[in-house]
């Protein structure tokens, strides 16, 4: 966690754990403390891609 930062604003990320085993976090999220963007963790893999707004 010390080396991870928000890809949008470079702010610190706060870890939210919903499900974990003895080795890793399986479900949860990483929330940026600065800009509020949430990055989900699903099946142990964090998705750090910024969400694209799809307005037409």
C-alpha atoms as a PDB file:
ATOM      1  CA  UNK A   1       0.000   0.000   0.000  1.00  0.00           C
ATOM      2  CA  UNK A   2       2.922   2.367   0.534  1.00  0.00           C
ATOM      3  CA  UNK A   3       3.729   2.505  -3.182  1.00  0.00           C
ATOM      4  CA  UNK A   4       0.151   2.738  -4.512  1.00  0.00           C
ATOM      5  CA  UNK A   5      -1.459   6.078  -5.270  1.00  0.00           C
ATOM      6  CA  UNK A   6      -4.509   7.328  -7.131  1.00  0.00           C
ATOM      7  CA  UNK A   7      -3.816   7.335 -10.884  1.00  0.00           C
ATOM      8  CA  UNK A   8      -6.064  10.403 -11.282  1.00  0.00           C
ATOM      9  CA  UNK A   9      -4.668  12.816  -8.676  1.00  0.00           C
ATOM     10  CA  UNK A  10      -1.777  10.892  -7.041  1.00  0.00           C
ATOM     11  CA  UNK A  11      -3.552  11.014  -3.645  1.00  0.00           C
ATOM     12  CA  UNK A  12      -3.294   8.341  -0.949  1.00  0.00           C
ATOM     13  CA  UNK A  13      -5.548   5.293  -1.252  1.00  0.00           C
ATOM     14  CA  UNK A  14      -7.555   3.875   1.663  1.00  0.00           C
ATOM     15  CA  UNK A  15      -8.143   0.113   1.651  1.00  0.00           C
ATOM     16  CA  UNK A  16     -11.647  -1.304   2.262  1.00  0.00           C
ATOM     17  CA  UNK A  17     -11.733  -5.082   2.788  1.00  0.00           C
ATOM     18  CA  UNK A  18     -14.975  -7.006   2.184  1.00  0.00           C
ATOM     19  CA  UNK A  19     -13.560 -10.543   1.820  1.00  0.00           C
ATOM     20  CA  UNK A  20     -10.071 -11.930   2.372  1.00  0.00           C
ATOM     21  CA  UNK A  21      -8.275 -15.205   2.932  1.00  0.00           C
ATOM     22  CA  UNK A  22      -5.014 -15.875   4.768  1.00  0.00           C
ATOM     23  CA  UNK A  23      -2.936 -14.653   1.781  1.00  0.00           C
ATOM     24  CA  UNK A  24      -4.764 -11.832   0.023  1.00  0.00           C
ATOM     25  CA  UNK A  25      -7.727  -9.493  -0.189  1.00  0.00           C
ATOM     26  CA  UNK A  26     -10.306 -11.077  -2.477  1.00  0.00           C
ATOM     27  CA  UNK A  27     -13.028  -8.404  -2.573  1.00  0.00           C
ATOM     28  CA  UNK A  28     -13.059  -4.762  -1.542  1.00  0.00           C
ATOM     29  CA  UNK A  29     -11.877  -1.456  -2.843  1.00  0.00           C
ATOM     30  CA  UNK A  30      -9.310   1.311  -2.791  1.00  0.00           C
ATOM     31  CA  UNK A  31     -10.735   4.777  -2.156  1.00  0.00           C
ATOM     32  CA  UNK A  32      -8.780   7.934  -2.925  1.00  0.00           C
ATOM     33  CA  UNK A  33      -8.712  10.152   0.166  1.00  0.00           C
ATOM     34  CA  UNK A  34      -8.230  13.274  -2.001  1.00  0.00           C
ATOM     35  CA  UNK A  35     -10.553  13.068  -5.029  1.00  0.00           C
ATOM     36  CA  UNK A  36     -12.934  10.323  -3.818  1.00  0.00           C
ATOM     37  CA  UNK A  37     -12.537   7.949  -6.776  1.00  0.00           C
ATOM     38  CA  UNK A  38     -13.177   4.307  -5.839  1.00  0.00           C
ATOM     39  CA  UNK A  39     -11.170   1.480  -7.400  1.00  0.00           C
ATOM     40  CA  UNK A  40     -12.747  -1.956  -6.897  1.00  0.00           C
ATOM     41  CA  UNK A  41     -10.874  -5.131  -5.968  1.00  0.00           C
ATOM     42  CA  UNK A  42     -12.487  -8.239  -7.494  1.00  0.00           C
ATOM     43  CA  UNK A  43     -11.117 -11.784  -7.152  1.00  0.00           C
ATOM     44  CA  UNK A  44      -7.907 -10.352  -5.670  1.00  0.00           C
ATOM     45  CA  UNK A  45      -7.226  -7.979  -8.570  1.00  0.00           C
ATOM     46  CA  UNK A  46      -7.469  -4.197  -8.086  1.00  0.00           C
ATOM     47  CA  UNK A  47      -8.831  -2.243 -11.055  1.00  0.00           C
ATOM     48  CA  UNK A  48      -6.829   0.998 -11.035  1.00  0.00           C
ATOM     49  CA  UNK A  49      -8.111   2.226 -14.375  1.00  0.00           C
ATOM     50  CA  UNK A  50      -9.997   5.530 -14.068  1.00  0.00           C
ATOM     51  CA  UNK A  51     -13.704   5.105 -14.808  1.00  0.00           C
ATOM     52  CA  UNK A  52     -14.725   6.763 -18.089  1.00  0.00           C
ATOM     53  CA  UNK A  53     -17.962   8.703 -18.098  1.00  0.00           C
ATOM     54  CA  UNK A  54     -20.203   7.535 -20.946  1.00  0.00           C
ATOM     55  CA  UNK A  55     -22.455  10.466 -21.717  1.00  0.00           C
ATOM     56  CA  UNK A  56     -23.945  10.755 -25.174  1.00  0.00           C
END
